[in-house]
Amino acid sequence: MNVTTGSITPLKGVQPVSATLTRKTVPGQVFLSGWRSHDDGISHTVIAHWPTRHPLYAPHADRYNPLLFSETIRQSLALLSHVAHEVPLDFRLGWESYDSSIVPAALSARTPPTDVRLTITHTKVTRRRLGSTHLAAQITAMRDEQPLGIARVRYIAHPPAIYSRLRGEYADAQAATARALPLGPALDEAVRGGATSPENAVLSPLGEPHRWQLRADTANRAFFDHDHDHIPGLLLLEAAAQAVHAMSGTARIALMEFDASFVRYVELDAPCWVEATPLRRNRGGMVSTDVTGEQNGRHVFSIHVTAELT
């Protein structure tokens, strides 16, 4: 590598990525460009190219949206589940937990390139007798040979028959999308962390300082580039991020850590109430909060968020 230019040493044996393998249908939503296996048989490298223009993830105030890291991981795990772990394309993937930590300085968009390398090690691949596969992965990421972040994800892949029994009437993604609730009002741009369009607002105000209604715009191609039978986990992470921005009262905040547990599917046809604890302020300008979701009287997700006031 040439350190002075920030170039990345080319990798041998890199294979191209098909959009289908990332579970995306719109080419502009695919950030992966290549992948390769390691000699140990359990680790892989995935190469991503972050966009300079994107409705949600493009840089704002010279900084990338930190959830671009999360979406890059989601696409990478979908890819590897198929090409490395032989999960069929018709299986339904879902996250059970997501824990990440990112280096805020690595999100700077002031200097190219925007190539990112993820090293992903699957620590668990358990195939159940009836066909579902449980997976766990550890991820480290570099940008221009500098640390970007780390993450741990537990997720599951269900075959169509099991998923249909599990989801019942909600298994039909097209029908579920058609039943989505009408959109409520959007949070003001000033408090949703630089999301530049109302379609990127995923919370509706309720007139309470720490409580909102989840807002899922199924026309937003960053989250719904195809029909979904439930609200995707990336939208829930974005809701937690916007809750932190709303409570801090400033866009000058760097989100650093997410620790999420996805307890139940969040449906499109019923209100989901999002509540956050008051921001806890720690030494060194750090703040944290716990964001939870409730739907139909049941707890559906919890996300602990840590951020730095800048």
Protein backbone atom coordinates (compact mmCIF):
# COMPACT_ATOMS: atom_id res chain seq x y z
CA MET A 1 0.00 0.00 0.00
CA ASN A 2 1.09 3.54 -0.74
CA VAL A 3 0.40 5.32 2.55
CA THR A 4 0.81 8.81 1.11
CA THR A 5 -1.99 8.34 -1.41
CA GLY A 6 -4.31 6.27 0.79
CA SER A 7 -4.57 3.56 -1.86
CA ILE A 8 -5.57 0.03 -0.90
CA THR A 9 -3.46 -2.98 -1.83
CA PRO A 10 -5.30 -5.04 -4.46
CA LEU A 11 -6.54 -8.43 -3.29
CA LYS A 12 -6.07 -11.63 -5.25
CA GLY A 13 -8.93 -13.99 -5.93
CA VAL A 14 -11.67 -11.39 -5.53
CA GLN A 15 -15.00 -12.39 -7.04
CA PRO A 16 -17.67 -9.91 -8.24
CA VAL A 17 -20.94 -9.39 -6.38
CA SER A 18 -24.39 -9.81 -7.89
CA ALA A 19 -27.09 -7.48 -6.56
CA THR A 20 -29.38 -10.48 -6.05
CA LEU A 21 -26.99 -11.94 -3.48
CA THR A 22 -27.21 -8.79 -1.32
CA ARG A 23 -31.04 -9.02 -1.19
CA LYS A 24 -31.33 -5.76 -3.10
CA THR A 25 -33.16 -5.17 -6.37
CA VAL A 26 -32.18 -1.56 -7.16
CA PRO A 27 -28.55 -1.35 -8.41
CA GLY A 28 -27.96 2.04 -6.80
CA GLN A 29 -28.61 0.52 -3.38
CA VAL A 30 -25.82 -2.09 -3.66
CA PHE A 31 -22.52 -1.02 -2.06
CA LEU A 32 -20.50 -4.23 -2.40
CA SER A 33 -18.05 -4.76 -5.25
CA GLY A 34 -16.19 -7.97 -4.43
CA TRP A 35 -15.45 -10.78 -1.96
CA ARG A 36 -12.97 -13.58 -1.38
CA SER A 37 -12.46 -16.50 1.01
CA HIS A 38 -9.56 -16.87 3.44
CA ASP A 39 -7.50 -20.03 3.76
CA ASP A 40 -8.96 -20.83 7.20
CA GLY A 41 -12.33 -21.64 5.62
CA ILE A 42 -14.39 -19.55 8.08
CA SER A 43 -13.29 -15.99 7.28
CA HIS A 44 -13.94 -13.83 4.24
CA THR A 45 -13.10 -10.36 2.99
CA VAL A 46 -15.82 -8.21 1.47
CA ILE A 47 -15.03 -5.02 -0.42
CA ALA A 48 -17.49 -2.14 -0.48
CA HIS A 49 -17.52 1.19 -2.27
CA TRP A 50 -19.42 3.86 -0.37
CA PRO A 51 -21.46 6.29 -2.47
CA THR A 52 -20.84 10.02 -2.61
CA ARG A 53 -24.48 10.53 -3.61
CA HIS A 54 -27.36 8.67 -1.99
CA PRO A 55 -30.82 9.77 -0.69
CA LEU A 56 -30.06 8.56 2.84
CA TYR A 57 -26.44 7.49 3.25
CA ALA A 58 -24.59 10.19 1.31
CA PRO A 59 -22.29 12.44 3.35
CA HIS A 60 -23.86 15.24 5.39
CA ALA A 61 -21.65 17.99 6.80
CA ASP A 62 -18.59 16.10 5.47
CA ARG A 63 -19.48 12.92 7.37
CA TYR A 64 -21.05 9.67 6.26
CA ASN A 65 -24.17 8.39 7.98
CA PRO A 66 -22.83 5.83 10.52
CA LEU A 67 -25.62 3.45 9.57
CA LEU A 68 -24.01 3.09 6.16
CA PHE A 69 -21.62 0.81 8.06
CA SER A 70 -24.61 -1.21 9.31
CA GLU A 71 -26.13 -1.51 5.83
CA THR A 72 -22.77 -2.57 4.42
CA ILE A 73 -22.65 -5.33 7.04
CA ARG A 74 -26.21 -6.39 6.25
CA GLN A 75 -25.41 -6.73 2.55
CA SER A 76 -22.17 -8.58 3.33
CA LEU A 77 -23.86 -11.14 5.57
CA ALA A 78 -26.59 -11.74 3.01
CA LEU A 79 -23.91 -12.30 0.37
CA LEU A 80 -21.85 -14.70 2.48
CA SER A 81 -24.87 -16.65 3.67
CA HIS A 82 -25.42 -17.62 0.03
CA VAL A 83 -21.93 -17.92 -1.45
CA ALA A 84 -20.08 -19.30 1.58
CA HIS A 85 -22.71 -21.08 3.65
CA GLU A 86 -25.03 -22.42 0.96
CA VAL A 87 -28.21 -20.74 2.23
CA PRO A 88 -30.68 -20.86 -0.70
CA LEU A 89 -31.89 -17.58 -2.17
CA ASP A 90 -35.51 -18.28 -1.22
CA PHE A 91 -34.68 -18.51 2.50
CA ARG A 92 -35.79 -15.52 4.57
CA LEU A 93 -33.01 -13.80 6.54
CA GLY A 94 -33.55 -11.91 9.79
CA TRP A 95 -31.32 -10.33 12.42
CA GLU A 96 -31.68 -11.38 16.06
CA SER A 97 -29.06 -9.02 17.51
CA TYR A 98 -26.61 -6.40 16.29
CA ASP A 99 -23.76 -4.89 18.29
CA SER A 100 -21.41 -2.39 16.65
CA SER A 101 -18.79 0.22 17.47
CA ILE A 102 -17.46 2.71 14.94
CA VAL A 103 -14.59 5.22 14.85
CA PRO A 104 -16.25 8.59 14.13
CA ALA A 105 -13.16 10.03 12.44
CA ALA A 106 -13.28 7.20 9.89
CA LEU A 107 -16.62 8.52 8.64
CA SER A 108 -15.05 11.69 7.27
CA ALA A 109 -16.03 12.28 3.66
CA ARG A 110 -13.51 15.01 2.99
CA THR A 111 -10.92 12.79 1.35
CA PRO A 112 -11.40 9.88 -1.07
CA PRO A 113 -11.28 6.99 -1.66
CA THR A 114 -14.41 5.51 -0.15
CA ASP A 115 -13.40 1.84 -0.42
CA VAL A 116 -14.03 -0.20 2.69
CA ARG A 117 -12.83 -3.71 3.55
CA LEU A 118 -14.68 -5.95 5.95
CA THR A 119 -13.17 -9.10 7.42
CA ILE A 120 -16.02 -11.37 8.47
CA THR A 121 -15.62 -14.53 10.54
CA HIS A 122 -18.62 -16.75 11.12
CA THR A 123 -18.27 -18.18 14.62
CA LYS A 124 -21.47 -20.19 14.37
CA VAL A 125 -23.34 -21.84 11.52
CA THR A 126 -25.91 -24.26 12.95
CA ARG A 127 -28.31 -26.03 10.63
CA ARG A 128 -31.46 -27.25 12.35
CA ARG A 129 -33.18 -30.49 11.41
CA LEU A 130 -36.20 -28.76 9.84
CA GLY A 131 -34.06 -26.51 7.68
CA SER A 132 -33.48 -23.21 9.50
CA THR A 133 -29.89 -22.03 9.88
CA HIS A 134 -28.63 -19.98 12.83
CA LEU A 135 -25.52 -17.89 12.19
CA ALA A 136 -23.24 -15.62 14.20
CA ALA A 137 -20.55 -13.39 12.73
CA GLN A 138 -17.79 -11.09 13.91
CA ILE A 139 -16.80 -8.19 11.67
CA THR A 140 -13.83 -5.85 11.58
CA ALA A 141 -13.71 -3.07 9.02
CA MET A 142 -10.96 -0.86 7.63
CA ARG A 143 -11.08 2.24 5.48
CA ASP A 144 -7.85 3.22 3.72
CA GLU A 145 -6.02 0.77 6.02
CA GLN A 146 -7.31 2.65 9.08
CA PRO A 147 -9.75 1.14 11.62
CA LEU A 148 -13.38 1.87 10.79
CA GLY A 149 -15.38 -0.30 13.17
CA ILE A 150 -16.26 -3.68 14.59
CA ALA A 151 -19.54 -5.54 14.94
CA ARG A 152 -21.15 -8.78 16.06
CA VAL A 153 -24.37 -10.06 14.50
CA ARG A 154 -26.60 -13.04 15.23
CA TYR A 155 -29.07 -13.87 12.48
CA ILE A 156 -31.26 -16.65 11.18
CA ALA A 157 -32.28 -18.03 7.79
CA HIS A 158 -35.69 -19.73 7.50
CA PRO A 159 -36.79 -21.91 4.58
CA PRO A 160 -40.06 -20.79 2.92
CA ALA A 161 -42.26 -23.45 4.56
CA ILE A 162 -41.08 -22.66 8.10
CA TYR A 163 -41.24 -18.92 7.49
CA SER A 164 -44.81 -19.20 6.22
CA ARG A 165 -45.85 -21.13 9.34
CA LEU A 166 -44.03 -18.64 11.55
CA ARG A 167 -45.49 -15.52 9.96
CA GLY A 168 -48.94 -16.75 8.98
CA GLU A 169 -50.92 -14.08 7.13
CA TYR A 170 -47.91 -11.75 7.29
CA ALA A 171 -45.66 -14.00 5.19
CA ASP A 172 -46.89 -12.40 1.95
CA ALA A 173 -44.62 -9.38 1.56
CA GLN A 174 -46.67 -7.73 -1.17
CA ALA A 175 -49.88 -7.97 0.87
CA ALA A 176 -48.14 -6.77 4.02
CA THR A 177 -46.69 -3.75 2.21
CA ALA A 178 -50.14 -2.90 0.86
CA ARG A 179 -51.49 -2.87 4.45
CA ALA A 180 -48.85 -0.40 5.70
CA LEU A 181 -50.19 2.43 7.86
CA PRO A 182 -50.55 5.90 6.34
CA LEU A 183 -47.57 8.11 7.10
CA GLY A 184 -47.71 10.38 10.11
CA PRO A 185 -45.99 13.78 10.30
CA ALA A 186 -42.21 13.80 10.00
CA LEU A 187 -39.78 15.05 12.58
CA ASP A 188 -38.33 18.44 11.68
CA GLU A 189 -35.11 18.20 9.70
CA ALA A 190 -33.25 20.09 12.43
CA VAL A 191 -33.74 17.24 14.90
CA ARG A 192 -33.47 14.16 12.73
CA GLY A 193 -29.72 14.24 12.27
CA GLY A 194 -29.30 15.69 8.82
CA ALA A 195 -31.79 13.49 6.98
CA THR A 196 -32.41 15.93 4.14
CA SER A 197 -35.79 14.70 2.94
CA PRO A 198 -39.03 14.03 4.85
CA GLU A 199 -39.06 10.51 3.41
CA ASN A 200 -35.99 9.78 5.55
CA ALA A 201 -37.80 10.68 8.76
CA VAL A 202 -38.67 7.44 10.56
CA LEU A 203 -40.24 9.01 13.66
CA SER A 204 -43.47 11.00 14.02
CA PRO A 205 -43.71 13.45 16.95
CA LEU A 206 -46.30 12.82 19.66
CA GLY A 207 -45.74 16.01 21.64
CA GLU A 208 -43.73 14.10 24.27
CA PRO A 209 -39.99 14.67 24.72
CA HIS A 210 -38.93 11.01 24.69
CA ARG A 211 -41.72 9.23 22.80
CA TRP A 212 -42.64 8.95 19.13
CA GLN A 213 -44.53 6.78 16.66
CA LEU A 214 -42.47 4.78 14.21
CA ARG A 215 -42.84 6.07 10.66
CA ALA A 216 -42.23 3.61 7.81
CA ASP A 217 -42.35 5.06 4.29
CA THR A 218 -42.50 2.01 2.03
CA ALA A 219 -41.60 4.25 -0.93
CA ASN A 220 -38.18 4.92 0.61
CA ARG A 221 -35.85 2.75 -1.47
CA ALA A 222 -33.06 2.82 1.12
CA PHE A 223 -35.23 0.64 3.38
CA PHE A 224 -37.82 -0.80 0.97
CA ASP A 225 -36.24 -1.32 -2.42
CA HIS A 226 -38.60 -4.31 -2.66
CA ASP A 227 -41.72 -5.38 -0.76
CA HIS A 228 -41.18 -6.40 2.88
CA ASP A 229 -43.50 -8.33 5.15
CA HIS A 230 -42.27 -6.36 8.21
CA ILE A 231 -40.29 -3.25 9.09
CA PRO A 232 -36.57 -3.94 8.48
CA GLY A 233 -33.99 -3.74 11.24
CA LEU A 234 -32.05 -0.94 9.53
CA LEU A 235 -35.09 1.31 9.82
CA LEU A 236 -35.25 0.52 13.56
CA LEU A 237 -31.58 1.46 13.95
CA GLU A 238 -32.27 4.71 12.08
CA ALA A 239 -35.18 5.38 14.45
CA ALA A 240 -32.85 5.01 17.43
CA ALA A 241 -30.34 7.34 15.79
CA GLN A 242 -32.99 9.98 15.10
CA ALA A 243 -34.26 9.68 18.68
CA VAL A 244 -30.77 10.53 19.97
CA HIS A 245 -30.54 13.55 17.65
CA ALA A 246 -34.00 14.72 18.69
CA MET A 247 -33.20 14.53 22.40
CA SER A 248 -29.76 16.13 22.06
CA GLY A 249 -31.19 19.16 20.26
CA THR A 250 -28.18 19.35 17.97
CA ALA A 251 -27.02 17.80 14.73
CA ARG A 252 -23.42 17.99 16.02
CA ILE A 253 -23.38 14.52 17.44
CA ALA A 254 -21.38 11.48 16.36
CA LEU A 255 -23.11 8.14 16.79
CA MET A 256 -20.56 5.56 17.89
CA GLU A 257 -22.17 2.39 19.27
CA PHE A 258 -25.38 0.41 18.76
CA ASP A 259 -26.35 -2.63 20.81
CA ALA A 260 -29.64 -3.91 19.42
CA SER A 261 -31.92 -6.82 20.20
CA PHE A 262 -34.71 -7.57 17.73
CA VAL A 263 -37.26 -9.46 19.82
CA ARG A 264 -40.26 -9.71 17.47
CA TYR A 265 -41.13 -8.77 13.92
CA VAL A 266 -42.36 -5.17 13.74
CA GLU A 267 -45.44 -5.15 11.54
CA LEU A 268 -46.33 -2.51 8.98
CA ASP A 269 -50.06 -2.40 9.73
CA ALA A 270 -50.06 -1.46 13.45
CA PRO A 271 -48.62 1.53 15.33
CA CYS A 272 -45.23 0.99 16.93
CA TRP A 273 -44.45 3.28 19.84
CA VAL A 274 -40.81 4.27 20.28
CA GLU A 275 -39.60 5.44 23.68
CA ALA A 276 -36.16 6.52 24.88
CA THR A 277 -34.68 7.11 28.31
CA PRO A 278 -33.37 10.64 28.98
CA LEU A 279 -29.85 11.08 27.67
CA ARG A 280 -27.20 10.04 30.17
CA ARG A 281 -24.19 12.33 29.92
CA ASN A 282 -20.84 10.77 30.69
CA ARG A 283 -17.31 12.09 30.90
CA GLY A 284 -15.67 13.37 27.76
CA GLY A 285 -18.86 14.56 26.07
CA MET A 286 -20.35 11.07 25.66
CA VAL A 287 -24.10 10.48 25.87
CA SER A 288 -26.14 7.28 25.86
CA THR A 289 -29.75 6.17 25.89
CA ASP A 290 -31.93 3.09 25.63
CA VAL A 291 -34.51 3.11 22.83
CA THR A 292 -37.33 0.57 22.91
CA GLY A 293 -40.27 -0.30 20.70
CA GLU A 294 -43.74 -1.54 21.65
CA GLN A 295 -46.40 -2.80 19.27
CA ASN A 296 -49.78 -4.33 20.08
CA GLY A 297 -48.85 -4.17 23.77
CA ARG A 298 -45.67 -6.22 23.33
CA HIS A 299 -41.98 -5.32 23.50
CA VAL A 300 -40.53 -5.69 19.99
CA PHE A 301 -37.01 -4.24 20.05
CA SER A 302 -34.43 -2.53 22.23
CA ILE A 303 -31.39 -0.54 21.13
CA HIS A 304 -28.72 0.98 23.37
CA VAL A 305 -27.03 3.92 21.63
CA THR A 306 -23.81 5.69 22.58
CA ALA A 307 -22.78 8.94 20.91
CA GLU A 308 -20.28 11.75 21.24
CA LEU A 309 -21.20 15.44 21.27
CA THR A 310 -18.89 17.22 18.84
